[in-house]
């Protein structure tokens, strides 16, 4: 389940990254076309008497391209924002679902494991002490049998 969630989050991050790259490319191409227009106007190739406003004096094809690029930029921005929201929602739901699953399976927590380890260590120490005591009693019992004579 967690593996699936990790894959989904990775996929969303990849889509978001790709969308940002496309957005940057669109912005750069728009800036390049504006710079070309400014250079053309500075060289005297622009339309005379036109103001320096967005889209004025451009041929119909360039106006259309600019409109398409602006629309694409808006769509990609909306897409990126929705991806961010989806990513957060997915992380929240997967995290909540994982916690519910852990609770339902009644899995031990790290604190529980530490307590059990400590109990095992103490039990091991007691067993070692009892084994030493038993060995000492065995030695004493053998000595008593060897030291006493039966009639």
N, C-alpha and C. Protein backbone atom coordinates (compact mmCIF):
# COMPACT_ATOMS: atom_id res chain seq x y z
N UNK A 1 0.82 -1.18 0.00
CA UNK A 1 0.00 0.00 0.00
C UNK A 1 0.87 1.25 0.00
N UNK A 2 1.88 1.26 0.85
CA UNK A 2 2.77 2.41 0.92
C UNK A 2 3.58 2.53 -0.36
N UNK A 3 3.93 1.38 -0.95
CA UNK A 3 4.68 1.39 -2.21
C UNK A 3 3.86 2.03 -3.31
N UNK A 4 2.57 1.71 -3.36
CA UNK A 4 1.67 2.28 -4.35
C UNK A 4 1.55 3.79 -4.15
N UNK A 5 1.45 4.20 -2.92
CA UNK A 5 1.35 5.63 -2.61
C UNK A 5 2.63 6.35 -3.01
N UNK A 6 3.78 5.74 -2.74
CA UNK A 6 5.05 6.36 -3.13
C UNK A 6 5.13 6.51 -4.64
N UNK A 7 4.68 5.50 -5.36
CA UNK A 7 4.69 5.57 -6.83
C UNK A 7 3.77 6.67 -7.33
N UNK A 8 2.59 6.80 -6.73
CA UNK A 8 1.64 7.83 -7.13
C UNK A 8 2.21 9.22 -6.86
N UNK A 9 2.83 9.40 -5.72
CA UNK A 9 3.42 10.70 -5.38
C UNK A 9 4.57 11.01 -6.32
N UNK A 10 5.39 10.01 -6.63
CA UNK A 10 6.50 10.21 -7.56
C UNK A 10 5.98 10.60 -8.93
N UNK A 11 4.90 9.94 -9.37
CA UNK A 11 4.30 10.25 -10.66
C UNK A 11 3.79 11.68 -10.69
N UNK A 12 3.10 12.09 -9.62
CA UNK A 12 2.58 13.45 -9.56
C UNK A 12 3.71 14.48 -9.56
N UNK A 13 4.79 14.17 -8.84
CA UNK A 13 5.93 15.09 -8.81
C UNK A 13 6.55 15.20 -10.20
N UNK A 14 6.63 14.09 -10.90
CA UNK A 14 7.18 14.09 -12.25
C UNK A 14 6.32 14.90 -13.20
N UNK A 15 4.99 14.75 -13.09
CA UNK A 15 4.08 15.53 -13.93
C UNK A 15 4.20 17.01 -13.62
N UNK A 16 4.30 17.33 -12.35
CA UNK A 16 4.42 18.73 -11.96
C UNK A 16 5.71 19.33 -12.53
N UNK A 17 6.80 18.57 -12.45
CA UNK A 17 8.09 19.04 -12.97
C UNK A 17 8.01 19.26 -14.47
N UNK A 18 7.41 18.31 -15.18
CA UNK A 18 7.30 18.42 -16.64
C UNK A 18 6.43 19.61 -17.01
N UNK A 19 5.34 19.81 -16.29
CA UNK A 19 4.46 20.94 -16.56
C UNK A 19 5.20 22.27 -16.35
N UNK A 20 6.02 22.33 -15.32
CA UNK A 20 6.79 23.56 -15.09
C UNK A 20 7.80 23.80 -16.22
N UNK A 21 8.41 22.72 -16.71
CA UNK A 21 9.35 22.86 -17.83
C UNK A 21 8.65 23.40 -19.06
N UNK A 22 7.46 22.86 -19.37
CA UNK A 22 6.70 23.33 -20.54
C UNK A 22 6.31 24.78 -20.35
N UNK A 23 5.89 25.13 -19.15
CA UNK A 23 5.51 26.51 -18.85
C UNK A 23 6.70 27.45 -19.06
N UNK A 24 7.86 27.07 -18.58
CA UNK A 24 9.06 27.90 -18.77
C UNK A 24 9.40 28.05 -20.24
N UNK A 25 9.27 26.95 -21.01
CA UNK A 25 9.54 27.03 -22.45
C UNK A 25 8.59 27.99 -23.13
N UNK A 26 7.29 27.92 -22.76
CA UNK A 26 6.31 28.82 -23.35
C UNK A 26 6.61 30.28 -23.00
N UNK A 27 6.98 30.51 -21.76
CA UNK A 27 7.30 31.88 -21.35
C UNK A 27 8.54 32.39 -22.10
N UNK A 28 9.54 31.54 -22.24
CA UNK A 28 10.75 31.94 -22.96
C UNK A 28 10.46 32.23 -24.42
N UNK A 29 9.63 31.41 -25.05
CA UNK A 29 9.31 31.65 -26.46
C UNK A 29 8.52 32.94 -26.61
N UNK A 30 7.62 33.22 -25.65
CA UNK A 30 6.88 34.47 -25.70
C UNK A 30 7.79 35.67 -25.52
N UNK A 31 8.75 35.57 -24.61
CA UNK A 31 9.70 36.67 -24.40
C UNK A 31 10.58 36.85 -25.63
N UNK A 32 10.97 35.76 -26.26
CA UNK A 32 11.81 35.86 -27.45
C UNK A 32 11.05 36.54 -28.58
N UNK A 33 9.78 36.22 -28.75
CA UNK A 33 9.02 36.86 -29.83
C UNK A 33 8.80 38.34 -29.53
N UNK A 34 8.60 38.69 -28.25
CA UNK A 34 8.46 40.11 -27.89
C UNK A 34 9.76 40.87 -28.15
N UNK A 35 10.90 40.23 -27.79
CA UNK A 35 12.19 40.87 -28.05
C UNK A 35 12.43 41.06 -29.54
N UNK A 36 12.04 40.09 -30.34
CA UNK A 36 12.19 40.21 -31.80
C UNK A 36 11.33 41.36 -32.31
N UNK A 37 10.14 41.50 -31.78
CA UNK A 37 9.25 42.60 -32.19
C UNK A 37 9.88 43.94 -31.84
N UNK A 38 10.42 44.04 -30.60
CA UNK A 38 11.04 45.29 -30.16
C UNK A 38 12.23 45.63 -31.05
N UNK A 39 13.05 44.62 -31.37
CA UNK A 39 14.21 44.87 -32.25
C UNK A 39 13.75 45.30 -33.64
N UNK A 40 12.69 44.70 -34.14
CA UNK A 40 12.19 45.07 -35.46
C UNK A 40 11.66 46.50 -35.45
N UNK A 41 10.96 46.87 -34.38
CA UNK A 41 10.45 48.24 -34.29
C UNK A 41 11.60 49.24 -34.15
N UNK A 42 12.63 48.86 -33.40
CA UNK A 42 13.77 49.75 -33.23
C UNK A 42 14.51 49.94 -34.55
N UNK A 43 14.50 48.92 -35.37
CA UNK A 43 15.17 49.02 -36.67
C UNK A 43 14.30 49.74 -37.69
N UNK A 44 13.07 50.12 -37.32
CA UNK A 44 12.19 50.84 -38.23
C UNK A 44 11.34 49.91 -39.06
N UNK A 45 11.29 48.64 -38.73
CA UNK A 45 10.49 47.70 -39.50
C UNK A 45 9.09 47.55 -38.94
N UNK A 46 8.82 48.18 -37.82
CA UNK A 46 7.51 48.04 -37.19
C UNK A 46 6.48 48.88 -37.91
N UNK A 47 5.24 48.74 -37.48
CA UNK A 47 4.14 49.50 -38.06
C UNK A 47 4.23 50.91 -37.51
N UNK A 48 4.15 51.89 -38.41
CA UNK A 48 4.28 53.28 -37.98
C UNK A 48 3.04 53.73 -37.24
N UNK A 49 3.28 54.53 -36.24
CA UNK A 49 2.17 55.12 -35.49
C UNK A 49 1.54 54.17 -34.49
N UNK A 50 2.10 53.00 -34.30
CA UNK A 50 1.50 52.07 -33.33
C UNK A 50 2.10 52.31 -31.96
N UNK A 51 1.27 52.14 -30.97
CA UNK A 51 1.72 52.27 -29.58
C UNK A 51 2.37 50.95 -29.18
N UNK A 52 3.18 50.95 -28.11
CA UNK A 52 3.83 49.73 -27.63
C UNK A 52 2.89 49.02 -26.66
N UNK A 53 1.79 48.49 -27.19
CA UNK A 53 0.85 47.75 -26.37
C UNK A 53 0.82 46.31 -26.84
N UNK A 54 0.34 45.47 -25.99
CA UNK A 54 0.32 44.03 -26.25
C UNK A 54 -0.55 43.73 -27.45
N UNK A 55 0.05 43.12 -28.49
CA UNK A 55 -0.71 42.62 -29.62
C UNK A 55 -0.97 43.63 -30.71
N UNK A 56 -0.80 44.91 -30.49
CA UNK A 56 -1.05 45.89 -31.52
C UNK A 56 0.07 45.87 -32.54
N UNK A 57 -0.27 45.94 -33.79
CA UNK A 57 0.72 45.99 -34.85
C UNK A 57 1.27 44.62 -35.22
N UNK A 58 0.80 43.58 -34.61
CA UNK A 58 1.27 42.25 -34.95
C UNK A 58 0.40 41.66 -36.05
N UNK A 59 1.01 40.84 -36.90
CA UNK A 59 0.20 40.15 -37.90
C UNK A 59 -0.78 39.19 -37.20
N UNK A 60 -1.82 38.80 -37.91
CA UNK A 60 -2.86 37.95 -37.33
C UNK A 60 -2.32 36.64 -36.77
N UNK A 61 -1.36 36.04 -37.46
CA UNK A 61 -0.82 34.76 -37.01
C UNK A 61 -0.11 34.91 -35.67
N UNK A 62 0.68 35.98 -35.52
CA UNK A 62 1.40 36.19 -34.25
C UNK A 62 0.42 36.48 -33.12
N UNK A 63 -0.66 37.23 -33.41
CA UNK A 63 -1.67 37.48 -32.38
C UNK A 63 -2.30 36.16 -31.93
N UNK A 64 -2.62 35.33 -32.92
CA UNK A 64 -3.20 34.02 -32.59
C UNK A 64 -2.24 33.19 -31.77
N UNK A 65 -0.96 33.18 -32.18
CA UNK A 65 0.04 32.39 -31.43
C UNK A 65 0.18 32.90 -30.01
N UNK A 66 0.20 34.21 -29.85
CA UNK A 66 0.30 34.79 -28.51
C UNK A 66 -0.91 34.41 -27.65
N UNK A 67 -2.09 34.43 -28.27
CA UNK A 67 -3.30 34.04 -27.55
C UNK A 67 -3.23 32.58 -27.12
N UNK A 68 -2.77 31.73 -28.04
CA UNK A 68 -2.65 30.30 -27.72
C UNK A 68 -1.62 30.09 -26.61
N UNK A 69 -0.48 30.77 -26.70
CA UNK A 69 0.56 30.63 -25.67
C UNK A 69 0.05 31.11 -24.33
N UNK A 70 -0.63 32.26 -24.30
CA UNK A 70 -1.18 32.77 -23.04
C UNK A 70 -2.20 31.80 -22.45
N UNK A 71 -3.05 31.25 -23.30
CA UNK A 71 -4.03 30.26 -22.84
C UNK A 71 -3.34 29.01 -22.31
N UNK A 72 -2.29 28.57 -23.01
CA UNK A 72 -1.53 27.40 -22.56
C UNK A 72 -0.86 27.65 -21.22
N UNK A 73 -0.32 28.83 -21.04
CA UNK A 73 0.33 29.18 -19.78
C UNK A 73 -0.69 29.15 -18.64
N UNK A 74 -1.88 29.70 -18.88
CA UNK A 74 -2.92 29.70 -17.85
C UNK A 74 -3.33 28.27 -17.50
N UNK A 75 -3.53 27.44 -18.54
CA UNK A 75 -3.93 26.06 -18.30
C UNK A 75 -2.86 25.30 -17.51
N UNK A 76 -1.62 25.50 -17.88
CA UNK A 76 -0.54 24.79 -17.20
C UNK A 76 -0.42 25.27 -15.76
N UNK A 77 -0.60 26.56 -15.53
CA UNK A 77 -0.58 27.06 -14.14
C UNK A 77 -1.69 26.43 -13.32
N UNK A 78 -2.89 26.33 -13.90
CA UNK A 78 -4.00 25.69 -13.19
C UNK A 78 -3.70 24.22 -12.94
N UNK A 79 -3.10 23.56 -13.92
CA UNK A 79 -2.75 22.15 -13.80
C UNK A 79 -1.73 21.95 -12.68
N UNK A 80 -0.72 22.80 -12.63
CA UNK A 80 0.31 22.69 -11.59
C UNK A 80 -0.31 22.90 -10.21
N UNK A 81 -1.20 23.88 -10.10
CA UNK A 81 -1.86 24.12 -8.81
C UNK A 81 -2.71 22.92 -8.39
N UNK A 82 -3.42 22.33 -9.36
CA UNK A 82 -4.25 21.17 -9.01
C UNK A 82 -3.39 19.97 -8.65
N UNK A 83 -2.22 19.82 -9.30
CA UNK A 83 -1.31 18.72 -8.95
C UNK A 83 -0.81 18.87 -7.53
N UNK A 84 -0.49 20.09 -7.14
CA UNK A 84 -0.04 20.33 -5.77
C UNK A 84 -1.13 19.95 -4.77
N UNK A 85 -2.37 20.31 -5.07
CA UNK A 85 -3.48 19.95 -4.19
C UNK A 85 -3.70 18.45 -4.14
N UNK A 86 -3.59 17.80 -5.30
CA UNK A 86 -3.75 16.33 -5.35
C UNK A 86 -2.65 15.64 -4.55
N UNK A 87 -1.45 16.15 -4.68
CA UNK A 87 -0.32 15.55 -3.97
C UNK A 87 -0.55 15.62 -2.46
N UNK A 88 -0.96 16.78 -1.98
CA UNK A 88 -1.21 16.94 -0.54
C UNK A 88 -2.36 16.05 -0.08
N UNK A 89 -3.43 15.99 -0.88
CA UNK A 89 -4.58 15.17 -0.52
C UNK A 89 -4.20 13.69 -0.49
N UNK A 90 -3.43 13.25 -1.49
CA UNK A 90 -3.01 11.86 -1.55
C UNK A 90 -2.12 11.50 -0.37
N UNK A 91 -1.17 12.38 -0.04
CA UNK A 91 -0.31 12.12 1.12
C UNK A 91 -1.13 12.03 2.40
N UNK A 92 -2.11 12.91 2.56
CA UNK A 92 -2.95 12.89 3.75
C UNK A 92 -3.78 11.63 3.85
N UNK A 93 -4.39 11.22 2.73
CA UNK A 93 -5.24 10.03 2.76
C UNK A 93 -4.42 8.76 2.93
N UNK A 94 -3.29 8.70 2.27
CA UNK A 94 -2.44 7.51 2.40
C UNK A 94 -1.90 7.42 3.82
N UNK A 95 -1.48 8.55 4.37
CA UNK A 95 -0.99 8.55 5.75
C UNK A 95 -2.07 8.13 6.72
N UNK A 96 -3.28 8.66 6.55
CA UNK A 96 -4.39 8.29 7.43
C UNK A 96 -4.78 6.83 7.25
N UNK A 97 -4.80 6.36 6.00
CA UNK A 97 -5.13 4.96 5.73
C UNK A 97 -4.09 4.02 6.31
N UNK A 98 -2.83 4.41 6.20
CA UNK A 98 -1.76 3.58 6.75
C UNK A 98 -1.89 3.48 8.26
N UNK A 99 -2.18 4.60 8.90
CA UNK A 99 -2.33 4.60 10.36
C UNK A 99 -3.51 3.74 10.78
N UNK A 100 -4.62 3.81 10.03
CA UNK A 100 -5.79 2.98 10.35
C UNK A 100 -5.44 1.51 10.21
N UNK A 101 -4.70 1.17 9.16
CA UNK A 101 -4.30 -0.22 8.94
C UNK A 101 -3.40 -0.71 10.07
N UNK A 102 -2.46 0.10 10.48
CA UNK A 102 -1.56 -0.26 11.58
C UNK A 102 -2.36 -0.47 12.86
N UNK A 103 -3.31 0.43 13.11
CA UNK A 103 -4.15 0.28 14.31
C UNK A 103 -5.00 -0.98 14.24
N UNK A 104 -5.55 -1.26 13.06
CA UNK A 104 -6.42 -2.42 12.89
C UNK A 104 -5.63 -3.73 13.08
N UNK A 105 -4.39 -3.75 12.58
CA UNK A 105 -3.57 -4.95 12.72
C UNK A 105 -2.97 -5.08 14.10
N UNK A 106 -3.12 -4.03 14.91
CA UNK A 106 -2.61 -4.03 16.29
C UNK A 106 -1.10 -4.33 16.31
N UNK A 107 -0.36 -3.63 15.47
CA UNK A 107 1.09 -3.80 15.41
C UNK A 107 1.76 -3.12 16.59
N UNK A 108 2.88 -3.67 16.99
CA UNK A 108 3.63 -3.10 18.11
C UNK A 108 4.32 -1.81 17.68
N UNK A 109 4.37 -0.89 18.63
CA UNK A 109 5.08 0.36 18.36
C UNK A 109 6.55 0.20 18.75
N UNK A 110 7.33 1.18 18.42
CA UNK A 110 8.76 1.16 18.77
C UNK A 110 8.94 1.13 20.29
N UNK A 111 8.10 1.86 21.00
CA UNK A 111 8.18 1.85 22.47
C UNK A 111 7.88 0.46 23.02
N UNK A 112 6.87 -0.20 22.44
CA UNK A 112 6.55 -1.56 22.88
C UNK A 112 7.74 -2.49 22.67
N UNK A 113 8.40 -2.37 21.54
CA UNK A 113 9.55 -3.22 21.24
C UNK A 113 10.69 -2.96 22.22
N UNK A 114 10.91 -1.72 22.57
CA UNK A 114 11.97 -1.39 23.53
C UNK A 114 11.68 -2.01 24.90
N UNK A 115 10.42 -1.98 25.33
CA UNK A 115 10.03 -2.56 26.62
C UNK A 115 10.28 -4.06 26.60
N UNK A 116 9.90 -4.72 25.50
CA UNK A 116 10.09 -6.17 25.40
C UNK A 116 11.57 -6.52 25.39
N UNK A 117 12.38 -5.73 24.70
CA UNK A 117 13.83 -5.97 24.70
C UNK A 117 14.40 -5.88 26.12
N UNK A 118 13.96 -4.88 26.87
CA UNK A 118 14.43 -4.71 28.24
C UNK A 118 14.00 -5.88 29.12
N UNK A 119 12.76 -6.35 28.93
CA UNK A 119 12.28 -7.50 29.69
C UNK A 119 13.11 -8.75 29.35
N UNK A 120 13.44 -8.93 28.08
CA UNK A 120 14.25 -10.08 27.67
C UNK A 120 15.64 -10.00 28.28
N UNK A 121 16.23 -8.81 28.34
CA UNK A 121 17.56 -8.64 28.92
C UNK A 121 17.54 -9.01 30.41
N UNK A 122 16.54 -8.53 31.13
CA UNK A 122 16.43 -8.82 32.56
C UNK A 122 16.23 -10.32 32.77
N UNK A 123 15.38 -10.94 31.96
CA UNK A 123 15.14 -12.38 32.08
C UNK A 123 16.42 -13.17 31.80
N UNK A 124 17.18 -12.74 30.81
CA UNK A 124 18.45 -13.40 30.50
C UNK A 124 19.40 -13.32 31.68
N UNK A 125 19.47 -12.16 32.33
CA UNK A 125 20.34 -11.99 33.50
C UNK A 125 19.91 -12.92 34.64
N UNK A 126 18.61 -13.03 34.85
CA UNK A 126 18.11 -13.91 35.92
C UNK A 126 18.43 -15.37 35.62
N UNK A 127 18.26 -15.77 34.36
CA UNK A 127 18.56 -17.16 33.98
C UNK A 127 20.04 -17.44 34.20
N UNK A 128 20.90 -16.52 33.81
CA UNK A 128 22.34 -16.71 34.02
C UNK A 128 22.66 -16.86 35.52
N UNK A 129 22.04 -16.02 36.34
CA UNK A 129 22.28 -16.09 37.79
C UNK A 129 21.78 -17.42 38.35
N UNK A 130 20.62 -17.89 37.89
CA UNK A 130 20.10 -19.17 38.37
C UNK A 130 20.97 -20.34 37.92
N UNK A 131 21.52 -20.26 36.71
CA UNK A 131 22.41 -21.33 36.23
C UNK A 131 23.67 -21.39 37.08
N UNK A 132 24.21 -20.24 37.44
CA UNK A 132 25.40 -20.21 38.31
C UNK A 132 25.07 -20.79 39.68
N UNK A 133 23.93 -20.45 40.19
CA UNK A 133 23.52 -20.94 41.50
C UNK A 133 23.31 -22.47 41.45
N UNK A 134 22.71 -22.95 40.38
CA UNK A 134 22.49 -24.38 40.22
C UNK A 134 23.81 -25.13 40.12
N UNK A 135 24.75 -24.56 39.36
CA UNK A 135 26.08 -25.17 39.26
C UNK A 135 26.75 -25.23 40.63
N UNK A 136 26.63 -24.17 41.39
CA UNK A 136 27.22 -24.14 42.74
C UNK A 136 26.57 -25.19 43.63
N UNK A 137 25.26 -25.35 43.56
CA UNK A 137 24.57 -26.36 44.36
C UNK A 137 24.98 -27.77 43.93
N UNK A 138 25.14 -27.98 42.61
CA UNK A 138 25.59 -29.29 42.12
C UNK A 138 26.97 -29.62 42.66
N UNK A 139 27.84 -28.63 42.65
CA UNK A 139 29.20 -28.85 43.17
C UNK A 139 29.14 -29.17 44.66
N UNK A 140 28.34 -28.45 45.42
CA UNK A 140 28.21 -28.70 46.86
C UNK A 140 27.60 -30.08 47.12
N UNK A 141 26.64 -30.47 46.32
CA UNK A 141 26.01 -31.78 46.48
C UNK A 141 26.98 -32.89 46.19
N UNK A 142 27.83 -32.77 45.22
CA UNK A 142 28.83 -33.78 44.90
C UNK A 142 29.88 -33.85 46.02
N UNK A 143 30.25 -32.72 46.51
CA UNK A 143 31.24 -32.68 47.60
C UNK A 143 30.67 -33.35 48.85
N UNK A 144 29.38 -33.12 49.14
CA UNK A 144 28.75 -33.72 50.32
C UNK A 144 28.73 -35.24 50.19
N UNK A 145 28.43 -35.74 49.02
CA UNK A 145 28.38 -37.18 48.78
C UNK A 145 29.78 -37.79 48.89
N UNK A 146 30.77 -37.09 48.38
CA UNK A 146 32.15 -37.58 48.42
C UNK A 146 32.74 -37.47 49.83
N UNK A 147 32.34 -36.48 50.54
CA UNK A 147 32.90 -36.26 51.86
C UNK A 147 32.27 -37.12 52.94
N UNK A 148 31.06 -37.61 52.78
CA UNK A 148 30.39 -38.44 53.79
C UNK A 148 30.55 -39.89 53.42
N UNK A 149 30.68 -40.69 54.44
CA UNK A 149 30.77 -42.14 54.24
C UNK A 149 29.46 -42.74 54.66
N UNK A 150 28.98 -43.65 53.84
CA UNK A 150 27.73 -44.31 54.18
C UNK A 150 28.01 -45.54 55.01
N UNK A 151 27.26 -45.87 56.00
CA UNK A 151 27.47 -47.03 56.88
C UNK A 151 26.83 -48.26 56.37
